[in-house]
Amino acid sequence: MVVLAYIINLLAPVVNFLGMLGLCACVIYDDLPVLLFSGIMAVVGLVFGIFAYRLDIPPRWTWSKSKNDLFRFSVTAVLGYAGSLAMWPGAIYLIKVLAEKVANVA
């Protein structure tokens, strides 16, 4: 679980940016199943965040060697993991949409 948390934290800056753009694209293109799956992943992220907080793994890759004392509250650490995991479906959706647009142009 520690390795999985560090991988999520390492990829979080890129995935969170692409995920936010992807979730905006889901709203624009009316793709509600992706939004629903993103909500499910957020719930999974909440559970994962609770366990990661107990293992003293903070949810940001830049703070990966620090302690959870930076957060003061476990809620912020848990919500950080929920947000990170909720952005994955949006990031994958955005990449898929961009790949289809490029394939149609070529």
N, C-alpha and C. Protein backbone atom coordinates (compact mmCIF):
# COMPACT_ATOMS: atom_id res chain seq x y z
N MET A 1 0.81 -1.18 0.00
CA MET A 1 0.00 0.00 0.00
C MET A 1 0.87 1.26 0.00
N VAL A 2 2.02 1.18 0.66
CA VAL A 2 2.91 2.33 0.71
C VAL A 2 3.42 2.67 -0.69
N VAL A 3 3.77 1.64 -1.46
CA VAL A 3 4.27 1.86 -2.82
C VAL A 3 3.16 2.47 -3.69
N LEU A 4 1.95 1.98 -3.55
CA LEU A 4 0.82 2.53 -4.31
C LEU A 4 0.58 4.00 -3.96
N ALA A 5 0.69 4.34 -2.69
CA ALA A 5 0.51 5.73 -2.27
C ALA A 5 1.60 6.62 -2.85
N TYR A 6 2.84 6.14 -2.87
CA TYR A 6 3.91 6.95 -3.43
C TYR A 6 3.77 7.11 -4.95
N ILE A 7 3.27 6.09 -5.63
CA ILE A 7 3.03 6.21 -7.07
C ILE A 7 1.92 7.22 -7.34
N ILE A 8 0.85 7.15 -6.58
CA ILE A 8 -0.24 8.12 -6.73
C ILE A 8 0.27 9.53 -6.48
N ASN A 9 1.07 9.70 -5.44
CA ASN A 9 1.61 11.02 -5.12
C ASN A 9 2.58 11.52 -6.18
N LEU A 10 3.34 10.63 -6.78
CA LEU A 10 4.30 11.02 -7.80
C LEU A 10 3.60 11.50 -9.07
N LEU A 11 2.52 10.83 -9.46
CA LEU A 11 1.79 11.17 -10.67
C LEU A 11 0.71 12.23 -10.46
N ALA A 12 0.44 12.60 -9.22
CA ALA A 12 -0.67 13.50 -8.90
C ALA A 12 -0.61 14.85 -9.61
N PRO A 13 0.52 15.53 -9.72
CA PRO A 13 0.48 16.85 -10.38
C PRO A 13 0.01 16.79 -11.83
N VAL A 14 0.46 15.81 -12.57
CA VAL A 14 0.06 15.69 -13.98
C VAL A 14 -1.38 15.20 -14.08
N VAL A 15 -1.70 14.17 -13.32
CA VAL A 15 -3.04 13.57 -13.39
C VAL A 15 -4.11 14.56 -12.90
N ASN A 16 -3.82 15.31 -11.86
CA ASN A 16 -4.82 16.26 -11.36
C ASN A 16 -5.12 17.35 -12.38
N PHE A 17 -4.09 17.85 -13.07
CA PHE A 17 -4.31 18.87 -14.09
C PHE A 17 -5.11 18.30 -15.26
N LEU A 18 -4.69 17.16 -15.78
CA LEU A 18 -5.42 16.53 -16.88
C LEU A 18 -6.82 16.11 -16.44
N GLY A 19 -6.95 15.67 -15.22
CA GLY A 19 -8.26 15.25 -14.70
C GLY A 19 -9.25 16.39 -14.60
N MET A 20 -8.79 17.55 -14.17
CA MET A 20 -9.69 18.70 -14.12
C MET A 20 -10.15 19.10 -15.52
N LEU A 21 -9.24 19.11 -16.48
CA LEU A 21 -9.62 19.41 -17.86
C LEU A 21 -10.55 18.33 -18.41
N GLY A 22 -10.27 17.07 -18.07
CA GLY A 22 -11.10 15.97 -18.53
C GLY A 22 -12.50 16.00 -17.95
N LEU A 23 -12.62 16.36 -16.69
CA LEU A 23 -13.95 16.46 -16.09
C LEU A 23 -14.74 17.62 -16.69
N CYS A 24 -14.05 18.69 -17.05
CA CYS A 24 -14.72 19.79 -17.76
C CYS A 24 -15.20 19.31 -19.13
N ALA A 25 -14.38 18.51 -19.80
CA ALA A 25 -14.77 17.95 -21.11
C ALA A 25 -15.95 17.01 -20.95
N CYS A 26 -16.01 16.26 -19.85
CA CYS A 26 -17.16 15.38 -19.60
C CYS A 26 -18.45 16.17 -19.49
N VAL A 27 -18.38 17.30 -18.84
CA VAL A 27 -19.57 18.14 -18.70
C VAL A 27 -19.95 18.73 -20.05
N ILE A 28 -18.96 19.18 -20.82
CA ILE A 28 -19.24 19.77 -22.13
C ILE A 28 -19.83 18.75 -23.09
N TYR A 29 -19.28 17.53 -23.11
CA TYR A 29 -19.74 16.50 -24.03
C TYR A 29 -20.84 15.61 -23.45
N ASP A 30 -21.36 15.95 -22.30
CA ASP A 30 -22.43 15.21 -21.63
C ASP A 30 -22.10 13.73 -21.47
N ASP A 31 -20.95 13.43 -20.96
CA ASP A 31 -20.55 12.04 -20.71
C ASP A 31 -20.68 11.76 -19.21
N LEU A 32 -21.90 11.48 -18.78
CA LEU A 32 -22.18 11.31 -17.36
C LEU A 32 -21.59 10.04 -16.74
N PRO A 33 -21.43 8.92 -17.49
CA PRO A 33 -20.82 7.76 -16.85
C PRO A 33 -19.40 8.02 -16.35
N VAL A 34 -18.65 8.85 -17.03
CA VAL A 34 -17.30 9.17 -16.57
C VAL A 34 -17.37 9.97 -15.28
N LEU A 35 -18.33 10.89 -15.19
CA LEU A 35 -18.50 11.65 -13.96
C LEU A 35 -18.93 10.76 -12.80
N LEU A 36 -19.80 9.79 -13.08
CA LEU A 36 -20.22 8.84 -12.06
C LEU A 36 -19.04 8.00 -11.59
N PHE A 37 -18.24 7.52 -12.53
CA PHE A 37 -17.07 6.73 -12.16
C PHE A 37 -16.06 7.56 -11.37
N SER A 38 -15.97 8.84 -11.70
CA SER A 38 -15.09 9.73 -10.94
C SER A 38 -15.58 9.87 -9.50
N GLY A 39 -16.87 9.92 -9.31
CA GLY A 39 -17.43 9.97 -7.95
C GLY A 39 -17.15 8.69 -7.18
N ILE A 40 -17.25 7.56 -7.86
CA ILE A 40 -16.94 6.28 -7.22
C ILE A 40 -15.47 6.24 -6.81
N MET A 41 -14.60 6.73 -7.70
CA MET A 41 -13.17 6.77 -7.39
C MET A 41 -12.88 7.72 -6.23
N ALA A 42 -13.67 8.77 -6.09
CA ALA A 42 -13.50 9.68 -4.95
C ALA A 42 -13.82 8.97 -3.64
N VAL A 43 -14.85 8.14 -3.64
CA VAL A 43 -15.19 7.37 -2.44
C VAL A 43 -14.08 6.36 -2.13
N VAL A 44 -13.57 5.71 -3.17
CA VAL A 44 -12.44 4.79 -2.97
C VAL A 44 -11.24 5.57 -2.43
N GLY A 45 -11.03 6.78 -2.94
CA GLY A 45 -9.95 7.62 -2.45
C GLY A 45 -10.11 8.01 -1.00
N LEU A 46 -11.35 8.22 -0.55
CA LEU A 46 -11.58 8.51 0.86
C LEU A 46 -11.14 7.34 1.74
N VAL A 47 -11.53 6.14 1.35
CA VAL A 47 -11.14 4.96 2.12
C VAL A 47 -9.63 4.76 2.07
N PHE A 48 -9.04 4.91 0.87
CA PHE A 48 -7.60 4.77 0.72
C PHE A 48 -6.88 5.84 1.54
N GLY A 49 -7.41 7.05 1.57
CA GLY A 49 -6.79 8.13 2.32
C GLY A 49 -6.79 7.88 3.82
N ILE A 50 -7.84 7.25 4.32
CA ILE A 50 -7.89 6.92 5.75
C ILE A 50 -6.76 5.95 6.10
N PHE A 51 -6.60 4.92 5.27
CA PHE A 51 -5.53 3.96 5.54
C PHE A 51 -4.15 4.57 5.33
N ALA A 52 -4.00 5.42 4.32
CA ALA A 52 -2.70 6.06 4.08
C ALA A 52 -2.35 7.03 5.20
N TYR A 53 -3.34 7.72 5.75
CA TYR A 53 -3.07 8.62 6.86
C TYR A 53 -2.61 7.85 8.09
N ARG A 54 -3.18 6.69 8.29
CA ARG A 54 -2.76 5.86 9.43
C ARG A 54 -1.32 5.38 9.25
N LEU A 55 -0.88 5.21 8.00
CA LEU A 55 0.50 4.81 7.72
C LEU A 55 1.45 6.01 7.65
N ASP A 56 0.92 7.22 7.88
CA ASP A 56 1.70 8.45 7.90
C ASP A 56 2.30 8.79 6.53
N ILE A 57 1.46 8.65 5.48
CA ILE A 57 1.88 9.00 4.12
C ILE A 57 1.06 10.21 3.69
N PRO A 58 1.66 11.38 3.57
CA PRO A 58 0.90 12.56 3.16
C PRO A 58 0.51 12.50 1.69
N PRO A 59 -0.56 13.19 1.28
CA PRO A 59 -1.08 13.05 -0.08
C PRO A 59 -0.48 13.98 -1.12
N ARG A 60 0.70 14.49 -0.94
CA ARG A 60 1.33 15.33 -1.95
C ARG A 60 2.74 14.82 -2.20
N TRP A 61 3.12 14.74 -3.45
CA TRP A 61 4.43 14.17 -3.77
C TRP A 61 5.57 15.06 -3.30
N THR A 62 5.36 16.36 -3.19
CA THR A 62 6.44 17.22 -2.74
C THR A 62 6.68 17.09 -1.24
N TRP A 63 5.69 16.57 -0.52
CA TRP A 63 5.84 16.37 0.92
C TRP A 63 6.00 14.90 1.25
N SER A 64 6.42 14.09 0.30
CA SER A 64 6.39 12.64 0.48
C SER A 64 7.30 12.16 1.60
N LYS A 65 8.29 12.95 2.01
CA LYS A 65 9.16 12.51 3.09
C LYS A 65 8.83 13.20 4.41
N SER A 66 7.75 13.97 4.43
CA SER A 66 7.38 14.67 5.65
C SER A 66 6.34 13.86 6.42
N LYS A 67 6.01 14.38 7.57
CA LYS A 67 5.02 13.72 8.41
C LYS A 67 3.65 14.37 8.20
N ASN A 68 2.64 13.73 8.67
CA ASN A 68 1.28 14.26 8.53
C ASN A 68 1.03 15.47 9.42
N ASP A 69 2.00 15.88 10.21
CA ASP A 69 1.81 17.06 11.06
C ASP A 69 1.58 18.31 10.23
N LEU A 70 2.01 18.31 8.96
CA LEU A 70 1.80 19.46 8.10
C LEU A 70 0.32 19.75 7.89
N PHE A 71 -0.51 18.73 8.01
CA PHE A 71 -1.92 18.89 7.70
C PHE A 71 -2.76 19.33 8.88
N ARG A 72 -2.30 19.08 10.08
CA ARG A 72 -3.01 19.42 11.31
C ARG A 72 -4.28 18.59 11.50
N PHE A 73 -4.95 18.26 10.42
CA PHE A 73 -6.19 17.48 10.51
C PHE A 73 -6.11 16.32 9.53
N SER A 74 -6.64 15.19 9.91
CA SER A 74 -6.65 14.04 9.01
C SER A 74 -7.59 14.24 7.84
N VAL A 75 -8.56 15.15 8.00
CA VAL A 75 -9.56 15.38 6.94
C VAL A 75 -8.88 15.89 5.67
N THR A 76 -7.93 16.80 5.80
CA THR A 76 -7.26 17.33 4.61
C THR A 76 -6.43 16.27 3.91
N ALA A 77 -5.81 15.39 4.66
CA ALA A 77 -5.02 14.32 4.05
C ALA A 77 -5.93 13.35 3.31
N VAL A 78 -7.05 13.00 3.92
CA VAL A 78 -7.99 12.07 3.29
C VAL A 78 -8.61 12.69 2.04
N LEU A 79 -8.98 13.97 2.11
CA LEU A 79 -9.56 14.64 0.94
C LEU A 79 -8.54 14.80 -0.18
N GLY A 80 -7.27 14.91 0.17
CA GLY A 80 -6.23 14.98 -0.86
C GLY A 80 -6.17 13.70 -1.68
N TYR A 81 -6.24 12.55 -1.02
CA TYR A 81 -6.26 11.28 -1.74
C TYR A 81 -7.55 11.11 -2.52
N ALA A 82 -8.67 11.55 -1.96
CA ALA A 82 -9.94 11.43 -2.67
C ALA A 82 -9.91 12.25 -3.96
N GLY A 83 -9.36 13.46 -3.88
CA GLY A 83 -9.24 14.29 -5.08
C GLY A 83 -8.29 13.70 -6.11
N SER A 84 -7.19 13.15 -5.63
CA SER A 84 -6.23 12.55 -6.57
C SER A 84 -6.83 11.37 -7.32
N LEU A 85 -7.52 10.51 -6.61
CA LEU A 85 -8.10 9.35 -7.27
C LEU A 85 -9.32 9.72 -8.12
N ALA A 86 -10.03 10.77 -7.74
CA ALA A 86 -11.20 11.19 -8.53
C ALA A 86 -10.79 11.79 -9.86
N MET A 87 -9.58 12.28 -9.99
CA MET A 87 -9.13 12.90 -11.24
C MET A 87 -8.66 11.89 -12.28
N TRP A 88 -8.39 10.66 -11.88
CA TRP A 88 -7.90 9.66 -12.84
C TRP A 88 -8.87 9.39 -13.98
N PRO A 89 -10.18 9.16 -13.75
CA PRO A 89 -11.08 8.93 -14.89
C PRO A 89 -11.16 10.13 -15.83
N GLY A 90 -11.13 11.34 -15.29
CA GLY A 90 -11.16 12.52 -16.13
C GLY A 90 -9.91 12.64 -16.99
N ALA A 91 -8.76 12.31 -16.42
CA ALA A 91 -7.50 12.37 -17.18
C ALA A 91 -7.51 11.34 -18.32
N ILE A 92 -7.98 10.15 -18.04
CA ILE A 92 -8.04 9.11 -19.06
C ILE A 92 -9.04 9.50 -20.15
N TYR A 93 -10.17 10.09 -19.75
CA TYR A 93 -11.17 10.53 -20.71
C TYR A 93 -10.61 11.62 -21.62
N LEU A 94 -9.88 12.57 -21.05
CA LEU A 94 -9.31 13.65 -21.85
C LEU A 94 -8.30 13.11 -22.86
N ILE A 95 -7.47 12.19 -22.43
CA ILE A 95 -6.50 11.59 -23.36
C ILE A 95 -7.21 10.85 -24.47
N LYS A 96 -8.28 10.13 -24.14
CA LYS A 96 -9.05 9.40 -25.14
C LYS A 96 -9.69 10.35 -26.14
N VAL A 97 -10.28 11.44 -25.66
CA VAL A 97 -10.92 12.42 -26.55
C VAL A 97 -9.88 13.07 -27.45
N LEU A 98 -8.76 13.45 -26.90
CA LEU A 98 -7.71 14.08 -27.72
C LEU A 98 -7.15 13.11 -28.74
N ALA A 99 -7.01 11.84 -28.38
CA ALA A 99 -6.51 10.84 -29.33
C ALA A 99 -7.51 10.63 -30.46
N GLU A 100 -8.81 10.64 -30.18
CA GLU A 100 -9.81 10.51 -31.22
C GLU A 100 -9.82 11.72 -32.15
N LYS A 101 -9.65 12.91 -31.57
CA LYS A 101 -9.60 14.13 -32.41
C LYS A 101 -8.39 14.09 -33.33
N VAL A 102 -7.24 13.66 -32.84
CA VAL A 102 -6.04 13.59 -33.67
C VAL A 102 -6.19 12.51 -34.72
N ALA A 103 -6.83 11.38 -34.40
CA ALA A 103 -7.02 10.31 -35.37
C ALA A 103 -7.98 10.75 -36.49
N ASN A 104 -8.98 11.55 -36.14
CA ASN A 104 -9.91 12.03 -37.16
C ASN A 104 -9.29 13.06 -38.08
N VAL A 105 -8.33 13.82 -37.58
CA VAL A 105 -7.67 14.82 -38.41
C VAL A 105 -6.71 14.15 -39.37
N ALA A 106 -6.02 13.12 -38.92
CA ALA A 106 -5.02 12.46 -39.76
C ALA A 106 -5.59 11.53 -40.77
